Amino acid sequence: TPHPSASPTPSPARGEGKLIALGVFGAPQGVRGEVRIKSYTRD
């Protein structure tokens, strides 16, 4: 995400090893194993 304020000081290893939440499973879709996912990503 572009920074909303002054330029941050970058850190190449920032957050390494962390888990980032991308979404959550919802209800099944149909009978063949498809599942809904609520995505947290911009796209």
ModelCIF file with pLDDT and N, C-alpha, C, O atoms, coordinates in Angstrom:
data_MODEL
#
_entry.id   MODEL 
#
_entity.id                         1 
_entity.type                       polymer 
_entity.pdbx_number_of_molecules   1 
#
_entity_poly.entity_id                      1 
_entity_poly.type                           'polypeptide(L)' 
_entity_poly.nstd_linkage                   no 
_entity_poly.nstd_monomer                   no 
_entity_poly.pdbx_seq_one_letter_code       TPHPSASPTPSPARGEGKLIALGVFGAPQGVRGEVRIKSYTRD 
_entity_poly.pdbx_seq_one_letter_code_can   TPHPSASPTPSPARGEGKLIALGVFGAPQGVRGEVRIKSYTRD 
_entity_poly.pdbx_strand_id                 A 
#
loop_
_entity_poly_seq.entity_id 
_entity_poly_seq.num 
_entity_poly_seq.mon_id 
_entity_poly_seq.hetero 
1 1  THR n 
1 2  PRO n 
1 3  HIS n 
1 4  PRO n 
1 5  SER n 
1 6  ALA n 
1 7  SER n 
1 8  PRO n 
1 9  THR n 
1 10 PRO n 
1 11 SER n 
1 12 PRO n 
1 13 ALA n 
1 14 ARG n 
1 15 GLY n 
1 16 GLU n 
1 17 GLY n 
1 18 LYS n 
1 19 LEU n 
1 20 ILE n 
1 21 ALA n 
1 22 LEU n 
1 23 GLY n 
1 24 VAL n 
1 25 PHE n 
1 26 GLY n 
1 27 ALA n 
1 28 PRO n 
1 29 GLN n 
1 30 GLY n 
1 31 VAL n 
1 32 ARG n 
1 33 GLY n 
1 34 GLU n 
1 35 VAL n 
1 36 ARG n 
1 37 ILE n 
1 38 LYS n 
1 39 SER n 
1 40 TYR n 
1 41 THR n 
1 42 ARG n 
1 43 ASP n 
#
_struct_asym.id          A 
_struct_asym.entity_id   1 
#
loop_
_ma_qa_metric.id 
_ma_qa_metric.mode 
_ma_qa_metric.name 
_ma_qa_metric.software_group_id 
_ma_qa_metric.type 
1 global pLDDT . pLDDT 
2 local  pLDDT . pLDDT 
#
_ma_qa_metric_global.metric_id      1 
_ma_qa_metric_global.metric_value   72.28 
_ma_qa_metric_global.model_id       1 
_ma_qa_metric_global.ordinal_id     1 
#
loop_
_ma_qa_metric_local.label_asym_id 
_ma_qa_metric_local.label_comp_id 
_ma_qa_metric_local.label_seq_id 
_ma_qa_metric_local.metric_id 
_ma_qa_metric_local.metric_value 
_ma_qa_metric_local.model_id 
_ma_qa_metric_local.ordinal_id 
A THR 1  2 46.00 1 1  
A PRO 2  2 39.00 1 2  
A HIS 3  2 38.00 1 3  
A PRO 4  2 39.00 1 4  
A SER 5  2 36.00 1 5  
A ALA 6  2 34.00 1 6  
A SER 7  2 34.00 1 7  
A PRO 8  2 36.00 1 8  
A THR 9  2 36.00 1 9  
A PRO 10 2 37.00 1 10 
A SER 11 2 38.00 1 11 
A PRO 12 2 36.00 1 12 
A ALA 13 2 43.00 1 13 
A ARG 14 2 48.00 1 14 
A GLY 15 2 52.00 1 15 
A GLU 16 2 53.00 1 16 
A GLY 17 2 64.00 1 17 
A LYS 18 2 81.00 1 18 
A LEU 19 2 86.00 1 19 
A ILE 20 2 86.00 1 20 
A ALA 21 2 86.00 1 21 
A LEU 22 2 90.00 1 22 
A GLY 23 2 92.00 1 23 
A VAL 24 2 95.00 1 24 
A PHE 25 2 97.00 1 25 
A GLY 26 2 97.00 1 26 
A ALA 27 2 97.00 1 27 
A PRO 28 2 97.00 1 28 
A GLN 29 2 97.00 1 29 
A GLY 30 2 95.00 1 30 
A VAL 31 2 95.00 1 31 
A ARG 32 2 94.00 1 32 
A GLY 33 2 96.00 1 33 
A GLU 34 2 98.00 1 34 
A VAL 35 2 98.00 1 35 
A ARG 36 2 97.00 1 36 
A ILE 37 2 97.00 1 37 
A LYS 38 2 94.00 1 38 
A SER 39 2 92.00 1 39 
A TYR 40 2 86.00 1 40 
A THR 41 2 85.00 1 41 
A ARG 42 2 82.00 1 42 
A ASP 43 2 89.00 1 43 
#
loop_
_atom_site.group_PDB 
_atom_site.id 
_atom_site.type_symbol 
_atom_site.label_atom_id 
_atom_site.label_alt_id 
_atom_site.label_comp_id 
_atom_site.label_asym_id 
_atom_site.label_entity_id 
_atom_site.label_seq_id 
_atom_site.pdbx_PDB_ins_code 
_atom_site.Cartn_x 
_atom_site.Cartn_y 
_atom_site.Cartn_z 
_atom_site.occupancy 
_atom_site.B_iso_or_equiv 
_atom_site.pdbx_formal_charge 
_atom_site.auth_seq_id 
_atom_site.auth_comp_id 
_atom_site.auth_asym_id 
_atom_site.auth_atom_id 
_atom_site.pdbx_PDB_model_num 
ATOM 1   N N  . THR A 1 1  ? 0.835   -1.186  0.000  1.00 46.00 ? 1  THR A N  1 
ATOM 2   C CA . THR A 1 1  ? 0.000   0.000   0.000  1.00 46.00 ? 1  THR A CA 1 
ATOM 3   C C  . THR A 1 1  ? 0.874   1.240   0.000  1.00 46.00 ? 1  THR A C  1 
ATOM 4   O O  . THR A 1 1  ? 1.791   1.337   0.815  1.00 46.00 ? 1  THR A O  1 
ATOM 5   N N  . PRO A 1 2  ? 0.614   2.212   -0.907 1.00 39.00 ? 2  PRO A N  1 
ATOM 6   C CA . PRO A 1 2  ? 1.383   3.446   -0.861 1.00 39.00 ? 2  PRO A CA 1 
ATOM 7   C C  . PRO A 1 2  ? 1.215   4.121   0.495  1.00 39.00 ? 2  PRO A C  1 
ATOM 8   O O  . PRO A 1 2  ? 0.123   4.132   1.064  1.00 39.00 ? 2  PRO A O  1 
ATOM 9   N N  . HIS A 1 3  ? 2.283   4.670   0.994  1.00 38.00 ? 3  HIS A N  1 
ATOM 10  C CA . HIS A 1 3  ? 2.250   5.308   2.302  1.00 38.00 ? 3  HIS A CA 1 
ATOM 11  C C  . HIS A 1 3  ? 1.417   6.582   2.257  1.00 38.00 ? 3  HIS A C  1 
ATOM 12  O O  . HIS A 1 3  ? 1.570   7.380   1.333  1.00 38.00 ? 3  HIS A O  1 
ATOM 13  N N  . PRO A 1 4  ? 0.524   6.794   3.251  1.00 39.00 ? 4  PRO A N  1 
ATOM 14  C CA . PRO A 1 4  ? -0.325  7.978   3.210  1.00 39.00 ? 4  PRO A CA 1 
ATOM 15  C C  . PRO A 1 4  ? 0.373   9.230   3.709  1.00 39.00 ? 4  PRO A C  1 
ATOM 16  O O  . PRO A 1 4  ? -0.156  10.332  3.557  1.00 39.00 ? 4  PRO A O  1 
ATOM 17  N N  . SER A 1 5  ? 1.542   9.083   4.298  1.00 36.00 ? 5  SER A N  1 
ATOM 18  C CA . SER A 1 5  ? 2.191   10.260  4.870  1.00 36.00 ? 5  SER A CA 1 
ATOM 19  C C  . SER A 1 5  ? 3.634   10.331  4.402  1.00 36.00 ? 5  SER A C  1 
ATOM 20  O O  . SER A 1 5  ? 3.933   9.990   3.258  1.00 36.00 ? 5  SER A O  1 
ATOM 21  N N  . ALA A 1 6  ? 4.515   10.761  5.259  1.00 34.00 ? 6  ALA A N  1 
ATOM 22  C CA . ALA A 1 6  ? 5.920   10.910  4.887  1.00 34.00 ? 6  ALA A CA 1 
ATOM 23  C C  . ALA A 1 6  ? 6.506   9.557   4.512  1.00 34.00 ? 6  ALA A C  1 
ATOM 24  O O  . ALA A 1 6  ? 6.005   8.521   4.948  1.00 34.00 ? 6  ALA A O  1 
ATOM 25  N N  . SER A 1 7  ? 7.557   9.559   3.710  1.00 34.00 ? 7  SER A N  1 
ATOM 26  C CA . SER A 1 7  ? 8.173   8.313   3.270  1.00 34.00 ? 7  SER A CA 1 
ATOM 27  C C  . SER A 1 7  ? 8.700   7.535   4.466  1.00 34.00 ? 7  SER A C  1 
ATOM 28  O O  . SER A 1 7  ? 9.413   8.088   5.302  1.00 34.00 ? 7  SER A O  1 
ATOM 29  N N  . PRO A 1 8  ? 8.347   6.235   4.554  1.00 36.00 ? 8  PRO A N  1 
ATOM 30  C CA . PRO A 1 8  ? 8.872   5.433   5.650  1.00 36.00 ? 8  PRO A CA 1 
ATOM 31  C C  . PRO A 1 8  ? 10.324  5.076   5.386  1.00 36.00 ? 8  PRO A C  1 
ATOM 32  O O  . PRO A 1 8  ? 10.783  5.120   4.244  1.00 36.00 ? 8  PRO A O  1 
ATOM 33  N N  . THR A 1 9  ? 11.043  4.724   6.437  1.00 36.00 ? 9  THR A N  1 
ATOM 34  C CA . THR A 1 9  ? 12.385  4.203   6.265  1.00 36.00 ? 9  THR A CA 1 
ATOM 35  C C  . THR A 1 9  ? 12.234  2.727   5.957  1.00 36.00 ? 9  THR A C  1 
ATOM 36  O O  . THR A 1 9  ? 11.734  1.990   6.807  1.00 36.00 ? 9  THR A O  1 
ATOM 37  N N  . PRO A 1 10 ? 12.644  2.250   4.772  1.00 37.00 ? 10 PRO A N  1 
ATOM 38  C CA . PRO A 1 10 ? 12.406  0.862   4.419  1.00 37.00 ? 10 PRO A CA 1 
ATOM 39  C C  . PRO A 1 10 ? 13.284  -0.085  5.222  1.00 37.00 ? 10 PRO A C  1 
ATOM 40  O O  . PRO A 1 10 ? 14.384  0.268   5.647  1.00 37.00 ? 10 PRO A O  1 
ATOM 41  N N  . SER A 1 11 ? 12.774  -1.295  5.421  1.00 38.00 ? 11 SER A N  1 
ATOM 42  C CA . SER A 1 11 ? 13.531  -2.332  6.107  1.00 38.00 ? 11 SER A CA 1 
ATOM 43  C C  . SER A 1 11 ? 13.333  -3.619  5.330  1.00 38.00 ? 11 SER A C  1 
ATOM 44  O O  . SER A 1 11 ? 12.215  -4.134  5.309  1.00 38.00 ? 11 SER A O  1 
ATOM 45  N N  . PRO A 1 12 ? 14.361  -4.167  4.689  1.00 36.00 ? 12 PRO A N  1 
ATOM 46  C CA . PRO A 1 12 ? 14.194  -5.289  3.795  1.00 36.00 ? 12 PRO A CA 1 
ATOM 47  C C  . PRO A 1 12 ? 13.671  -6.550  4.469  1.00 36.00 ? 12 PRO A C  1 
ATOM 48  O O  . PRO A 1 12 ? 12.987  -7.342  3.821  1.00 36.00 ? 12 PRO A O  1 
ATOM 49  N N  . ALA A 1 13 ? 13.971  -6.765  5.751  1.00 43.00 ? 13 ALA A N  1 
ATOM 50  C CA . ALA A 1 13 ? 13.548  -8.002  6.403  1.00 43.00 ? 13 ALA A CA 1 
ATOM 51  C C  . ALA A 1 13 ? 12.316  -7.805  7.273  1.00 43.00 ? 13 ALA A C  1 
ATOM 52  O O  . ALA A 1 13 ? 11.983  -8.668  8.086  1.00 43.00 ? 13 ALA A O  1 
ATOM 53  N N  . ARG A 1 14 ? 11.635  -6.671  7.105  1.00 48.00 ? 14 ARG A N  1 
ATOM 54  C CA . ARG A 1 14 ? 10.525  -6.353  7.984  1.00 48.00 ? 14 ARG A CA 1 
ATOM 55  C C  . ARG A 1 14 ? 9.446   -7.430  7.907  1.00 48.00 ? 14 ARG A C  1 
ATOM 56  O O  . ARG A 1 14 ? 9.005   -7.792  6.816  1.00 48.00 ? 14 ARG A O  1 
ATOM 57  N N  . GLY A 1 15 ? 9.024   -7.939  9.056  1.00 52.00 ? 15 GLY A N  1 
ATOM 58  C CA . GLY A 1 15 ? 7.931   -8.900  9.119  1.00 52.00 ? 15 GLY A CA 1 
ATOM 59  C C  . GLY A 1 15 ? 8.267   -10.308 8.689  1.00 52.00 ? 15 GLY A C  1 
ATOM 60  O O  . GLY A 1 15 ? 7.369   -11.145 8.596  1.00 52.00 ? 15 GLY A O  1 
ATOM 61  N N  . GLU A 1 16 ? 9.558   -10.610 8.417  1.00 53.00 ? 16 GLU A N  1 
ATOM 62  C CA . GLU A 1 16 ? 9.903   -11.931 7.908  1.00 53.00 ? 16 GLU A CA 1 
ATOM 63  C C  . GLU A 1 16 ? 9.448   -13.013 8.877  1.00 53.00 ? 16 GLU A C  1 
ATOM 64  O O  . GLU A 1 16 ? 9.646   -12.893 10.086 1.00 53.00 ? 16 GLU A O  1 
ATOM 65  N N  . GLY A 1 17 ? 8.828   -14.087 8.339  1.00 64.00 ? 17 GLY A N  1 
ATOM 66  C CA . GLY A 1 17 ? 8.349   -15.181 9.172  1.00 64.00 ? 17 GLY A CA 1 
ATOM 67  C C  . GLY A 1 17 ? 6.943   -14.974 9.699  1.00 64.00 ? 17 GLY A C  1 
ATOM 68  O O  . GLY A 1 17 ? 6.341   -15.911 10.222 1.00 64.00 ? 17 GLY A O  1 
ATOM 69  N N  . LYS A 1 18 ? 6.404   -13.766 9.575  1.00 81.00 ? 18 LYS A N  1 
ATOM 70  C CA . LYS A 1 18 ? 5.053   -13.487 10.041 1.00 81.00 ? 18 LYS A CA 1 
ATOM 71  C C  . LYS A 1 18 ? 4.029   -14.112 9.119  1.00 81.00 ? 18 LYS A C  1 
ATOM 72  O O  . LYS A 1 18 ? 4.306   -14.365 7.947  1.00 81.00 ? 18 LYS A O  1 
ATOM 73  N N  . LEU A 1 19 ? 2.843   -14.359 9.652  1.00 86.00 ? 19 LEU A N  1 
ATOM 74  C CA . LEU A 1 19 ? 1.721   -14.808 8.844  1.00 86.00 ? 19 LEU A CA 1 
ATOM 75  C C  . LEU A 1 19 ? 0.843   -13.602 8.549  1.00 86.00 ? 19 LEU A C  1 
ATOM 76  O O  . LEU A 1 19 ? 0.538   -12.811 9.441  1.00 86.00 ? 19 LEU A O  1 
ATOM 77  N N  . ILE A 1 20 ? 0.440   -13.466 7.288  1.00 86.00 ? 20 ILE A N  1 
ATOM 78  C CA . ILE A 1 20 ? -0.409  -12.360 6.856  1.00 86.00 ? 20 ILE A CA 1 
ATOM 79  C C  . ILE A 1 20 ? -1.766  -12.932 6.465  1.00 86.00 ? 20 ILE A C  1 
ATOM 80  O O  . ILE A 1 20 ? -1.844  -13.792 5.587  1.00 86.00 ? 20 ILE A O  1 
ATOM 81  N N  . ALA A 1 21 ? -2.830  -12.467 7.102  1.00 86.00 ? 21 ALA A N  1 
ATOM 82  C CA . ALA A 1 21 ? -4.177  -12.949 6.797  1.00 86.00 ? 21 ALA A CA 1 
ATOM 83  C C  . ALA A 1 21 ? -4.605  -12.469 5.418  1.00 86.00 ? 21 ALA A C  1 
ATOM 84  O O  . ALA A 1 21 ? -4.554  -11.275 5.123  1.00 86.00 ? 21 ALA A O  1 
ATOM 85  N N  . LEU A 1 22 ? -5.029  -13.413 4.572  1.00 90.00 ? 22 LEU A N  1 
ATOM 86  C CA . LEU A 1 22 ? -5.453  -13.079 3.208  1.00 90.00 ? 22 LEU A CA 1 
ATOM 87  C C  . LEU A 1 22 ? -6.945  -13.270 2.992  1.00 90.00 ? 22 LEU A C  1 
ATOM 88  O O  . LEU A 1 22 ? -7.511  -12.721 2.046  1.00 90.00 ? 22 LEU A O  1 
ATOM 89  N N  . GLY A 1 23 ? -7.589  -14.048 3.866  1.00 92.00 ? 23 GLY A N  1 
ATOM 90  C CA . GLY A 1 23 ? -9.018  -14.302 3.671  1.00 92.00 ? 23 GLY A CA 1 
ATOM 91  C C  . GLY A 1 23 ? -9.534  -15.316 4.676  1.00 92.00 ? 23 GLY A C  1 
ATOM 92  O O  . GLY A 1 23 ? -8.810  -15.767 5.563  1.00 92.00 ? 23 GLY A O  1 
ATOM 93  N N  . VAL A 1 24 ? -10.802 -15.663 4.516  1.00 95.00 ? 24 VAL A N  1 
ATOM 94  C CA . VAL A 1 24 ? -11.426 -16.643 5.404  1.00 95.00 ? 24 VAL A CA 1 
ATOM 95  C C  . VAL A 1 24 ? -12.405 -17.483 4.586  1.00 95.00 ? 24 VAL A C  1 
ATOM 96  O O  . VAL A 1 24 ? -13.116 -16.969 3.723  1.00 95.00 ? 24 VAL A O  1 
ATOM 97  N N  . PHE A 1 25 ? -12.426 -18.782 4.873  1.00 97.00 ? 25 PHE A N  1 
ATOM 98  C CA . PHE A 1 25 ? -13.354 -19.676 4.191  1.00 97.00 ? 25 PHE A CA 1 
ATOM 99  C C  . PHE A 1 25 ? -14.779 -19.406 4.661  1.00 97.00 ? 25 PHE A C  1 
ATOM 100 O O  . PHE A 1 25 ? -15.040 -19.200 5.846  1.00 97.00 ? 25 PHE A O  1 
ATOM 101 N N  . GLY A 1 26 ? -15.687 -19.416 3.696  1.00 97.00 ? 26 GLY A N  1 
ATOM 102 C CA . GLY A 1 26 ? -17.109 -19.301 3.996  1.00 97.00 ? 26 GLY A CA 1 
ATOM 103 C C  . GLY A 1 26 ? -17.796 -20.636 3.785  1.00 97.00 ? 26 GLY A C  1 
ATOM 104 O O  . GLY A 1 26 ? -17.191 -21.692 3.966  1.00 97.00 ? 26 GLY A O  1 
ATOM 105 N N  . ALA A 1 27 ? -19.056 -20.584 3.404  1.00 97.00 ? 27 ALA A N  1 
ATOM 106 C CA . ALA A 1 27 ? -19.874 -21.785 3.218  1.00 97.00 ? 27 ALA A CA 1 
ATOM 107 C C  . ALA A 1 27 ? -19.469 -22.526 1.945  1.00 97.00 ? 27 ALA A C  1 
ATOM 108 O O  . ALA A 1 27 ? -18.856 -21.941 1.052  1.00 97.00 ? 27 ALA A O  1 
ATOM 109 N N  . PRO A 1 28 ? -19.812 -23.822 1.860  1.00 97.00 ? 28 PRO A N  1 
ATOM 110 C CA . PRO A 1 28 ? -19.572 -24.556 0.613  1.00 97.00 ? 28 PRO A CA 1 
ATOM 111 C C  . PRO A 1 28 ? -20.397 -23.970 -0.525 1.00 97.00 ? 28 PRO A C  1 
ATOM 112 O O  . PRO A 1 28 ? -21.430 -23.342 -0.293 1.00 97.00 ? 28 PRO A O  1 
ATOM 113 N N  . GLN A 1 29 ? -19.939 -24.176 -1.746 1.00 97.00 ? 29 GLN A N  1 
ATOM 114 C CA . GLN A 1 29 ? -20.648 -23.721 -2.942 1.00 97.00 ? 29 GLN A CA 1 
ATOM 115 C C  . GLN A 1 29 ? -20.936 -24.963 -3.777 1.00 97.00 ? 29 GLN A C  1 
ATOM 116 O O  . GLN A 1 29 ? -20.029 -25.518 -4.397 1.00 97.00 ? 29 GLN A O  1 
ATOM 117 N N  . GLY A 1 30 ? -22.181 -25.398 -3.797 1.00 95.00 ? 30 GLY A N  1 
ATOM 118 C CA . GLY A 1 30 ? -22.534 -26.599 -4.551 1.00 95.00 ? 30 GLY A CA 1 
ATOM 119 C C  . GLY A 1 30 ? -22.139 -27.868 -3.823 1.00 95.00 ? 30 GLY A C  1 
ATOM 120 O O  . GLY A 1 30 ? -21.883 -27.852 -2.619 1.00 95.00 ? 30 GLY A O  1 
ATOM 121 N N  . VAL A 1 31 ? -22.090 -28.993 -4.578 1.00 95.00 ? 31 VAL A N  1 
ATOM 122 C CA . VAL A 1 31 ? -21.864 -30.301 -3.958 1.00 95.00 ? 31 VAL A CA 1 
ATOM 123 C C  . VAL A 1 31 ? -20.535 -30.934 -4.347 1.00 95.00 ? 31 VAL A C  1 
ATOM 124 O O  . VAL A 1 31 ? -20.247 -32.055 -3.928 1.00 95.00 ? 31 VAL A O  1 
ATOM 125 N N  . ARG A 1 32 ? -19.715 -30.239 -5.141 1.00 94.00 ? 32 ARG A N  1 
ATOM 126 C CA . ARG A 1 32 ? -18.480 -30.845 -5.650 1.00 94.00 ? 32 ARG A CA 1 
ATOM 127 C C  . ARG A 1 32 ? -17.221 -30.376 -4.924 1.00 94.00 ? 32 ARG A C  1 
ATOM 128 O O  . ARG A 1 32 ? -16.114 -30.536 -5.440 1.00 94.00 ? 32 ARG A O  1 
ATOM 129 N N  . GLY A 1 33 ? -17.379 -29.807 -3.749 1.00 96.00 ? 33 GLY A N  1 
ATOM 130 C CA . GLY A 1 33 ? -16.216 -29.446 -2.955 1.00 96.00 ? 33 GLY A CA 1 
ATOM 131 C C  . GLY A 1 33 ? -15.746 -28.011 -3.093 1.00 96.00 ? 33 GLY A C  1 
ATOM 132 O O  . GLY A 1 33 ? -14.764 -27.621 -2.461 1.00 96.00 ? 33 GLY A O  1 
ATOM 133 N N  . GLU A 1 34 ? -16.430 -27.214 -3.910 1.00 98.00 ? 34 GLU A N  1 
ATOM 134 C CA . GLU A 1 34 ? -16.042 -25.805 -3.995 1.00 98.00 ? 34 GLU A CA 1 
ATOM 135 C C  . GLU A 1 34 ? -16.448 -25.092 -2.701 1.00 98.00 ? 34 GLU A C  1 
ATOM 136 O O  . GLU A 1 34 ? -17.416 -25.473 -2.043 1.00 98.00 ? 34 GLU A O  1 
ATOM 137 N N  . VAL A 1 35 ? -15.696 -24.063 -2.356 1.00 98.00 ? 35 VAL A N  1 
ATOM 138 C CA . VAL A 1 35 ? -15.944 -23.335 -1.115 1.00 98.00 ? 35 VAL A CA 1 
ATOM 139 C C  . VAL A 1 35 ? -15.812 -21.846 -1.366 1.00 98.00 ? 35 VAL A C  1 
ATOM 140 O O  . VAL A 1 35 ? -15.011 -21.412 -2.194 1.00 98.00 ? 35 VAL A O  1 
ATOM 141 N N  . ARG A 1 36 ? -16.599 -21.073 -0.651 1.00 97.00 ? 36 ARG A N  1 
ATOM 142 C CA . ARG A 1 36 ? -16.497 -19.616 -0.761 1.00 97.00 ? 36 ARG A CA 1 
ATOM 143 C C  . ARG A 1 36 ? -15.342 -19.118 0.098  1.00 97.00 ? 36 ARG A C  1 
ATOM 144 O O  . ARG A 1 36 ? -15.029 -19.683 1.145  1.00 97.00 ? 36 ARG A O  1 
ATOM 145 N N  . ILE A 1 37 ? -14.722 -18.045 -0.375 1.00 97.00 ? 37 ILE A N  1 
ATOM 146 C CA . ILE A 1 37 ? -13.657 -17.393 0.385  1.00 97.00 ? 37 ILE A CA 1 
ATOM 147 C C  . ILE A 1 37 ? -13.937 -15.901 0.385  1.00 97.00 ? 37 ILE A C  1 
ATOM 148 O O  . ILE A 1 37 ? -14.146 -15.302 -0.670 1.00 97.00 ? 37 ILE A O  1 
ATOM 149 N N  . LYS A 1 38 ? -13.941 -15.302 1.569  1.00 94.00 ? 38 LYS A N  1 
ATOM 150 C CA . LYS A 1 38 ? -13.980 -13.846 1.658  1.00 94.00 ? 38 LYS A CA 1 
ATOM 151 C C  . LYS A 1 38 ? -12.528 -13.384 1.633  1.00 94.00 ? 38 LYS A C  1 
ATOM 152 O O  . LYS A 1 38 ? -11.757 -13.675 2.547  1.00 94.00 ? 38 LYS A O  1 
ATOM 153 N N  . SER A 1 39 ? -12.166 -12.661 0.574  1.00 92.00 ? 39 SER A N  1 
ATOM 154 C CA . SER A 1 39 ? -10.781 -12.233 0.389  1.00 92.00 ? 39 SER A CA 1 
ATOM 155 C C  . SER A 1 39 ? -10.539 -10.888 1.060  1.00 92.00 ? 39 SER A C  1 
ATOM 156 O O  . SER A 1 39 ? -11.376 -9.988  0.993  1.00 92.00 ? 39 SER A O  1 
ATOM 157 N N  . TYR A 1 40 ? -9.375  -10.761 1.714  1.00 86.00 ? 40 TYR A N  1 
ATOM 158 C CA . TYR A 1 40 ? -8.984  -9.501  2.330  1.00 86.00 ? 40 TYR A CA 1 
ATOM 159 C C  . TYR A 1 40 ? -8.085  -8.680  1.408  1.00 86.00 ? 40 TYR A C  1 
ATOM 160 O O  . TYR A 1 40 ? -7.739  -7.546  1.739  1.00 86.00 ? 40 TYR A O  1 
ATOM 161 N N  . THR A 1 41 ? -7.703  -9.232  0.260  1.00 85.00 ? 41 THR A N  1 
ATOM 162 C CA . THR A 1 41 ? -6.763  -8.544  -0.614 1.00 85.00 ? 41 THR A CA 1 
ATOM 163 C C  . THR A 1 41 ? -7.470  -7.493  -1.462 1.00 85.00 ? 41 THR A C  1 
ATOM 164 O O  . THR A 1 41 ? -8.665  -7.603  -1.738 1.00 85.00 ? 41 THR A O  1 
ATOM 165 N N  . ARG A 1 42 ? -6.719  -6.474  -1.871 1.00 82.00 ? 42 ARG A N  1 
ATOM 166 C CA . ARG A 1 42 ? -7.286  -5.378  -2.665 1.00 82.00 ? 42 ARG A CA 1 
ATOM 167 C C  . ARG A 1 42 ? -7.934  -5.922  -3.932 1.00 82.00 ? 42 ARG A C  1 
ATOM 168 O O  . ARG A 1 42 ? -9.069  -5.563  -4.247 1.00 82.00 ? 42 ARG A O  1 
ATOM 169 N N  . ASP A 1 43 ? -7.225  -6.789  -4.668 1.00 89.00 ? 43 ASP A N  1 
ATOM 170 C CA . ASP A 1 43 ? -7.806  -7.535  -5.781 1.00 89.00 ? 43 ASP A CA 1 
ATOM 171 C C  . ASP A 1 43 ? -8.194  -8.882  -5.200 1.00 89.00 ? 43 ASP A C  1 
ATOM 172 O O  . ASP A 1 43 ? -8.717  -9.736  -5.917 1.00 89.00 ? 43 ASP A O  1 
#
